PDB file of all heavy atoms in Angstrom:
ATOM      1  N   HIS A   1      85.803  85.696 144.391  1.00  0.00           N
ATOM      2  CA  HIS A   1      86.381  84.696 145.287  1.00  0.00           C
ATOM      3  C   HIS A   1      85.550  84.543 146.561  1.00  0.00           C
ATOM      4  O   HIS A   1      85.448  83.443 147.116  1.00  0.00           O
ATOM      5  CB  HIS A   1      87.830  85.070 145.643  1.00  0.00           C
ATOM      6  CG  HIS A   1      88.780  84.926 144.489  1.00  0.00           C
ATOM      7  ND1 HIS A   1      90.094  85.374 144.538  1.00  0.00           N
ATOM      8  CD2 HIS A   1      88.631  84.352 143.262  1.00  0.00           C
ATOM      9  CE1 HIS A   1      90.690  85.091 143.399  1.00  0.00           C
ATOM     10  NE2 HIS A   1      89.818  84.476 142.600  1.00  0.00           N
ATOM     11  N   GLU A   2      84.956  85.629 147.022  1.00  0.00           N
ATOM     12  CA  GLU A   2      84.068  85.529 148.184  1.00  0.00           C
ATOM     13  C   GLU A   2      82.865  84.654 147.902  1.00  0.00           C
ATOM     14  O   GLU A   2      82.236  84.115 148.817  1.00  0.00           O
ATOM     15  CB  GLU A   2      83.609  86.934 148.613  1.00  0.00           C
ATOM     16  CG  GLU A   2      84.717  87.756 149.261  1.00  0.00           C
ATOM     17  CD  GLU A   2      84.313  89.202 149.469  1.00  0.00           C
ATOM     18  OE1 GLU A   2      83.161  89.553 149.119  1.00  0.00           O
ATOM     19  OE2 GLU A   2      85.131  89.991 149.985  1.00  0.00           O
ATOM     20  N   LYS A   3      82.530  84.509 146.624  1.00  0.00           N
ATOM     21  CA  LYS A   3      81.409  83.650 146.216  1.00  0.00           C
ATOM     22  C   LYS A   3      81.898  82.256 145.794  1.00  0.00           C
ATOM     23  O   LYS A   3      81.144  81.495 145.188  1.00  0.00           O
ATOM     24  CB  LYS A   3      80.648  84.308 145.061  1.00  0.00           C
ATOM     25  CG  LYS A   3      79.990  85.617 145.460  1.00  0.00           C
ATOM     26  CD  LYS A   3      79.246  86.231 144.283  1.00  0.00           C
ATOM     27  CE  LYS A   3      78.520  87.507 144.699  1.00  0.00           C
ATOM     28  NZ  LYS A   3      77.432  87.248 145.674  1.00  0.00           N
ATOM     29  N   ASN A   4      83.158  81.947 146.109  1.00  0.00           N
ATOM     30  CA  ASN A   4      83.755  80.639 145.774  1.00  0.00           C
ATOM     31  C   ASN A   4      83.748  80.375 144.265  1.00  0.00           C
ATOM     32  O   ASN A   4      83.475  79.265 143.796  1.00  0.00           O
ATOM     33  CB  ASN A   4      83.065  79.495 146.508  1.00  0.00           C
ATOM     34  CG  ASN A   4      83.490  79.405 147.972  1.00  0.00           C
ATOM     35  OD1 ASN A   4      84.363  80.140 148.409  1.00  0.00           O
ATOM     36  ND2 ASN A   4      82.863  78.516 148.719  1.00  0.00           N
ATOM     37  N   ILE A   5      84.078  81.417 143.502  1.00  0.00           N
ATOM     38  CA  ILE A   5      84.200  81.297 142.043  1.00  0.00           C
ATOM     39  C   ILE A   5      85.630  81.659 141.651  1.00  0.00           C
ATOM     40  O   ILE A   5      86.180  82.650 142.161  1.00  0.00           O
ATOM     41  CB  ILE A   5      83.214  82.255 141.323  1.00  0.00           C
ATOM     42  CG1 ILE A   5      81.785  81.846 141.624  1.00  0.00           C
ATOM     43  CG2 ILE A   5      83.469  82.247 139.829  1.00  0.00           C
ATOM     44  CD1 ILE A   5      80.755  82.859 141.151  1.00  0.00           C
ATOM     45  N   LEU A   6      86.234  80.844 140.790  1.00  0.00           N
ATOM     46  CA  LEU A   6      87.528  81.148 140.191  1.00  0.00           C
ATOM     47  C   LEU A   6      87.301  81.533 138.734  1.00  0.00           C
ATOM     48  O   LEU A   6      86.533  80.878 138.021  1.00  0.00           O
ATOM     49  CB  LEU A   6      88.488  79.960 140.270  1.00  0.00           C
ATOM     50  CG  LEU A   6      88.972  79.551 141.656  1.00  0.00           C
ATOM     51  CD1 LEU A   6      89.920  78.349 141.519  1.00  0.00           C
ATOM     52  CD2 LEU A   6      89.675  80.693 142.367  1.00  0.00           C
ATOM     53  N   HIS A   7      88.006  82.562 138.276  1.00  0.00           N
ATOM     54  CA  HIS A   7      87.879  82.983 136.871  1.00  0.00           C
ATOM     55  C   HIS A   7      88.670  82.043 135.966  1.00  0.00           C
ATOM     56  O   HIS A   7      88.171  81.548 134.964  1.00  0.00           O
ATOM     57  CB  HIS A   7      88.393  84.406 136.714  1.00  0.00           C
ATOM     58  CG  HIS A   7      88.182  84.965 135.338  1.00  0.00           C
ATOM     59  ND1 HIS A   7      89.069  84.680 134.276  1.00  0.00           N
ATOM     60  CD2 HIS A   7      87.230  85.768 134.821  1.00  0.00           C
ATOM     61  CE1 HIS A   7      88.620  85.291 133.196  1.00  0.00           C
ATOM     62  NE2 HIS A   7      87.540  85.968 133.483  1.00  0.00           N
ATOM     63  N   LEU A   8      89.944  81.794 136.300  1.00  0.00           N
ATOM     64  CA  LEU A   8      90.821  80.810 135.623  1.00  0.00           C
ATOM     65  C   LEU A   8      91.243  81.175 134.190  1.00  0.00           C
ATOM     66  O   LEU A   8      91.790  80.344 133.487  1.00  0.00           O
ATOM     67  CB  LEU A   8      90.172  79.418 135.613  1.00  0.00           C
ATOM     68  CG  LEU A   8      89.989  78.760 137.004  1.00  0.00           C
ATOM     69  CD1 LEU A   8      89.257  77.429 136.872  1.00  0.00           C
ATOM     70  CD2 LEU A   8      91.334  78.573 137.699  1.00  0.00           C
ATOM     71  N   ASP A   9      91.002  82.415 133.787  1.00  0.00           N
ATOM     72  CA  ASP A   9      91.491  82.809 132.441  1.00  0.00           C
ATOM     73  C   ASP A   9      91.777  84.309 132.401  1.00  0.00           C
ATOM     74  O   ASP A   9      91.392  85.007 131.463  1.00  0.00           O
ATOM     75  CB  ASP A   9      90.467  82.432 131.371  1.00  0.00           C
ATOM     76  CG  ASP A   9      91.104  82.338 129.977  1.00  0.00           C
ATOM     77  OD1 ASP A   9      92.352  82.207 129.906  1.00  0.00           O
ATOM     78  OD2 ASP A   9      90.371  82.377 128.970  1.00  0.00           O
ATOM     79  N   ILE A  10      92.478  84.802 133.437  1.00  0.00           N
ATOM     80  CA  ILE A  10      92.801  86.234 133.503  1.00  0.00           C
ATOM     81  C   ILE A  10      94.008  86.480 132.619  1.00  0.00           C
ATOM     82  O   ILE A  10      95.038  85.811 132.723  1.00  0.00           O
ATOM     83  CB  ILE A  10      93.108  86.648 134.943  1.00  0.00           C
ATOM     84  CG1 ILE A  10      91.880  86.418 135.815  1.00  0.00           C
ATOM     85  CG2 ILE A  10      93.525  88.130 135.015  1.00  0.00           C
ATOM     86  CD1 ILE A  10      92.194  86.379 137.290  1.00  0.00           C
ATOM     87  N   LYS A  11      93.860  87.434 131.705  1.00  0.00           N
ATOM     88  CA  LYS A  11      94.930  87.830 130.785  1.00  0.00           C
ATOM     89  C   LYS A  11      94.522  89.165 130.177  1.00  0.00           C
ATOM     90  O   LYS A  11      93.342  89.575 130.289  1.00  0.00           O
ATOM     91  CB  LYS A  11      95.140  86.771 129.702  1.00  0.00           C
ATOM     92  CG  LYS A  11      93.888  86.406 128.906  1.00  0.00           C
ATOM     93  CD  LYS A  11      94.154  85.251 127.957  1.00  0.00           C
ATOM     94  CE  LYS A  11      92.875  84.825 127.249  1.00  0.00           C
ATOM     95  NZ  LYS A  11      93.101  83.679 126.346  1.00  0.00           N
ATOM     96  N   PRO A  12      95.440  89.901 129.550  1.00  0.00           N
ATOM     97  CA  PRO A  12      95.094  91.228 129.035  1.00  0.00           C
ATOM     98  C   PRO A  12      93.926  91.271 128.062  1.00  0.00           C
ATOM     99  O   PRO A  12      93.161  92.241 128.067  1.00  0.00           O
ATOM    100  CB  PRO A  12      96.406  91.664 128.347  1.00  0.00           C
ATOM    101  CG  PRO A  12      97.466  90.973 129.141  1.00  0.00           C
ATOM    102  CD  PRO A  12      96.887  89.627 129.454  1.00  0.00           C
ATOM    103  N   SER A  13      93.739  90.222 127.271  1.00  0.00           N
ATOM    104  CA  SER A  13      92.637  90.239 126.308  1.00  0.00           C
ATOM    105  C   SER A  13      91.284  90.056 126.982  1.00  0.00           C
ATOM    106  O   SER A  13      90.243  90.293 126.366  1.00  0.00           O
ATOM    107  CB  SER A  13      92.841  89.179 125.229  1.00  0.00           C
ATOM    108  OG  SER A  13      92.975  87.911 125.810  1.00  0.00           O
ATOM    109  N   ASN A  14      91.259  89.608 128.235  1.00  0.00           N
ATOM    110  CA  ASN A  14      90.007  89.432 128.972  1.00  0.00           C
ATOM    111  C   ASN A  14      89.755  90.565 129.964  1.00  0.00           C
ATOM    112  O   ASN A  14      88.925  90.436 130.856  1.00  0.00           O
ATOM    113  CB  ASN A  14      90.004  88.093 129.710  1.00  0.00           C
ATOM    114  CG  ASN A  14      89.668  86.941 128.773  1.00  0.00           C
ATOM    115  OD1 ASN A  14      89.129  87.152 127.697  1.00  0.00           O
ATOM    116  ND2 ASN A  14      89.999  85.724 129.181  1.00  0.00           N
ATOM    117  N   ILE A  15      90.475  91.665 129.794  1.00  0.00           N
ATOM    118  CA  ILE A  15      90.237  92.875 130.602  1.00  0.00           C
ATOM    119  C   ILE A  15      89.957  94.015 129.645  1.00  0.00           C
ATOM    120  O   ILE A  15      90.804  94.397 128.842  1.00  0.00           O
ATOM    121  CB  ILE A  15      91.447  93.196 131.491  1.00  0.00           C
ATOM    122  CG1 ILE A  15      91.719  92.045 132.457  1.00  0.00           C
ATOM    123  CG2 ILE A  15      91.204  94.508 132.251  1.00  0.00           C
ATOM    124  CD1 ILE A  15      93.028  92.208 133.243  1.00  0.00           C
ATOM    125  N   LEU A  16      88.740  94.535 129.691  1.00  0.00           N
ATOM    126  CA  LEU A  16      88.364  95.662 128.840  1.00  0.00           C
ATOM    127  C   LEU A  16      88.472  96.966 129.629  1.00  0.00           C
ATOM    128  O   LEU A  16      88.161  97.004 130.826  1.00  0.00           O
ATOM    129  CB  LEU A  16      86.935  95.498 128.319  1.00  0.00           C
ATOM    130  CG  LEU A  16      86.629  94.305 127.413  1.00  0.00           C
ATOM    131  CD1 LEU A  16      85.210  94.402 126.878  1.00  0.00           C
ATOM    132  CD2 LEU A  16      87.632  94.219 126.268  1.00  0.00           C
ATOM    133  N   ILE A  17      88.882  98.021 128.942  1.00  0.00           N
ATOM    134  CA  ILE A  17      88.897  99.357 129.520  1.00  0.00           C
ATOM    135  C   ILE A  17      87.774 100.134 128.857  1.00  0.00           C
ATOM    136  O   ILE A  17      87.766 100.334 127.644  1.00  0.00           O
ATOM    137  CB  ILE A  17      90.247 100.057 129.301  1.00  0.00           C
ATOM    138  CG1 ILE A  17      91.414  99.157 129.756  1.00  0.00           C
ATOM    139  CG2 ILE A  17      90.283 101.387 130.023  1.00  0.00           C
ATOM    140  CD1 ILE A  17      91.325  98.695 131.211  1.00  0.00           C
ATOM    141  N   ASP A  18      86.801 100.558 129.675  1.00  0.00           N
ATOM    142  CA  ASP A  18      85.603 101.191 129.100  1.00  0.00           C
ATOM    143  C   ASP A  18      85.863 102.659 128.812  1.00  0.00           C
ATOM    144  O   ASP A  18      86.970 103.195 129.015  1.00  0.00           O
ATOM    145  CB  ASP A  18      84.389 100.997 129.998  1.00  0.00           C
ATOM    146  CG  ASP A  18      84.518 101.678 131.363  1.00  0.00           C
ATOM    147  OD1 ASP A  18      85.295 102.647 131.502  1.00  0.00           O
ATOM    148  OD2 ASP A  18      83.799 101.289 132.304  1.00  0.00           O
ATOM    149  N   SER A  19      84.849 103.351 128.324  1.00  0.00           N
ATOM    150  CA  SER A  19      84.999 104.732 127.872  1.00  0.00           C
ATOM    151  C   SER A  19      85.317 105.703 128.999  1.00  0.00           C
ATOM    152  O   SER A  19      85.781 106.809 128.746  1.00  0.00           O
ATOM    153  CB  SER A  19      83.727 105.182 127.139  1.00  0.00           C
ATOM    154  OG  SER A  19      82.596 105.040 127.984  1.00  0.00           O
ATOM    155  N   SER A  20      85.083 105.295 130.230  1.00  0.00           N
ATOM    156  CA  SER A  20      85.414 106.160 131.374  1.00  0.00           C
ATOM    157  C   SER A  20      86.776 105.801 131.983  1.00  0.00           C
ATOM    158  O   SER A  20      87.178 106.350 133.005  1.00  0.00           O
ATOM    159  CB  SER A  20      84.344 106.060 132.465  1.00  0.00           C
ATOM    160  OG  SER A  20      84.266 104.751 132.989  1.00  0.00           O
ATOM    161  N   GLY A  21      87.474 104.829 131.354  1.00  0.00           N
ATOM    162  CA  GLY A  21      88.802 104.464 131.837  1.00  0.00           C
ATOM    163  C   GLY A  21      88.800 103.446 132.943  1.00  0.00           C
ATOM    164  O   GLY A  21      89.809 103.228 133.620  1.00  0.00           O
ATOM    165  N   LYS A  22      87.684 102.733 133.136  1.00  0.00           N
ATOM    166  CA  LYS A  22      87.570 101.713 134.171  1.00  0.00           C
ATOM    167  C   LYS A  22      87.787 100.322 133.564  1.00  0.00           C
ATOM    168  O   LYS A  22      87.311 100.023 132.467  1.00  0.00           O
ATOM    169  CB  LYS A  22      86.200 101.760 134.848  1.00  0.00           C
ATOM    170  CG  LYS A  22      85.842 103.111 135.454  1.00  0.00           C
ATOM    171  CD  LYS A  22      86.804 103.520 136.573  1.00  0.00           C
ATOM    172  CE  LYS A  22      86.361 104.827 137.225  1.00  0.00           C
ATOM    173  NZ  LYS A  22      87.325 105.284 138.258  1.00  0.00           N
ATOM    174  N   ALA A  23      88.465  99.453 134.304  1.00  0.00           N
ATOM    175  CA  ALA A  23      88.726  98.100 133.851  1.00  0.00           C
ATOM    176  C   ALA A  23      87.516  97.205 134.140  1.00  0.00           C
ATOM    177  O   ALA A  23      86.873  97.321 135.182  1.00  0.00           O
ATOM    178  CB  ALA A  23      89.964  97.539 134.559  1.00  0.00           C
ATOM    179  N   ARG A  24      87.222  96.333 133.192  1.00  0.00           N
ATOM    180  CA  ARG A  24      86.097  95.406 133.330  1.00  0.00           C
ATOM    181  C   ARG A  24      86.577  93.991 132.987  1.00  0.00           C
ATOM    182  O   ARG A  24      87.134  93.766 131.899  1.00  0.00           O
ATOM    183  CB  ARG A  24      84.952  95.808 132.396  1.00  0.00           C
ATOM    184  CG  ARG A  24      84.482  97.265 132.561  1.00  0.00           C
ATOM    185  CD  ARG A  24      83.661  97.444 133.831  1.00  0.00           C
ATOM    186  NE  ARG A  24      82.404  96.764 133.763  1.00  0.00           N
ATOM    187  CZ  ARG A  24      81.297  97.286 133.204  1.00  0.00           C
ATOM    188  NH1 ARG A  24      81.328  98.503 132.668  1.00  0.00           N
ATOM    189  NH2 ARG A  24      80.166  96.609 133.202  1.00  0.00           N
ATOM    190  N   LEU A  25      86.354  93.056 133.890  1.00  0.00           N
ATOM    191  CA  LEU A  25      86.747  91.667 133.678  1.00  0.00           C
ATOM    192  C   LEU A  25      85.655  90.953 132.887  1.00  0.00           C
ATOM    193  O   LEU A  25      84.469  91.033 133.212  1.00  0.00           O
ATOM    194  CB  LEU A  25      86.945  90.973 135.033  1.00  0.00           C
ATOM    195  CG  LEU A  25      87.485  89.549 135.043  1.00  0.00           C
ATOM    196  CD1 LEU A  25      88.854  89.484 134.392  1.00  0.00           C
ATOM    197  CD2 LEU A  25      87.548  89.038 136.485  1.00  0.00           C
TER     198      LEU A  25
END
């Protein structure tokens, strides 16, 4: 958002949890 970008498709299927347990958009 600080870069004036909107994602516009946030939902559970677009959030990955990596092998270290961190969320990735």
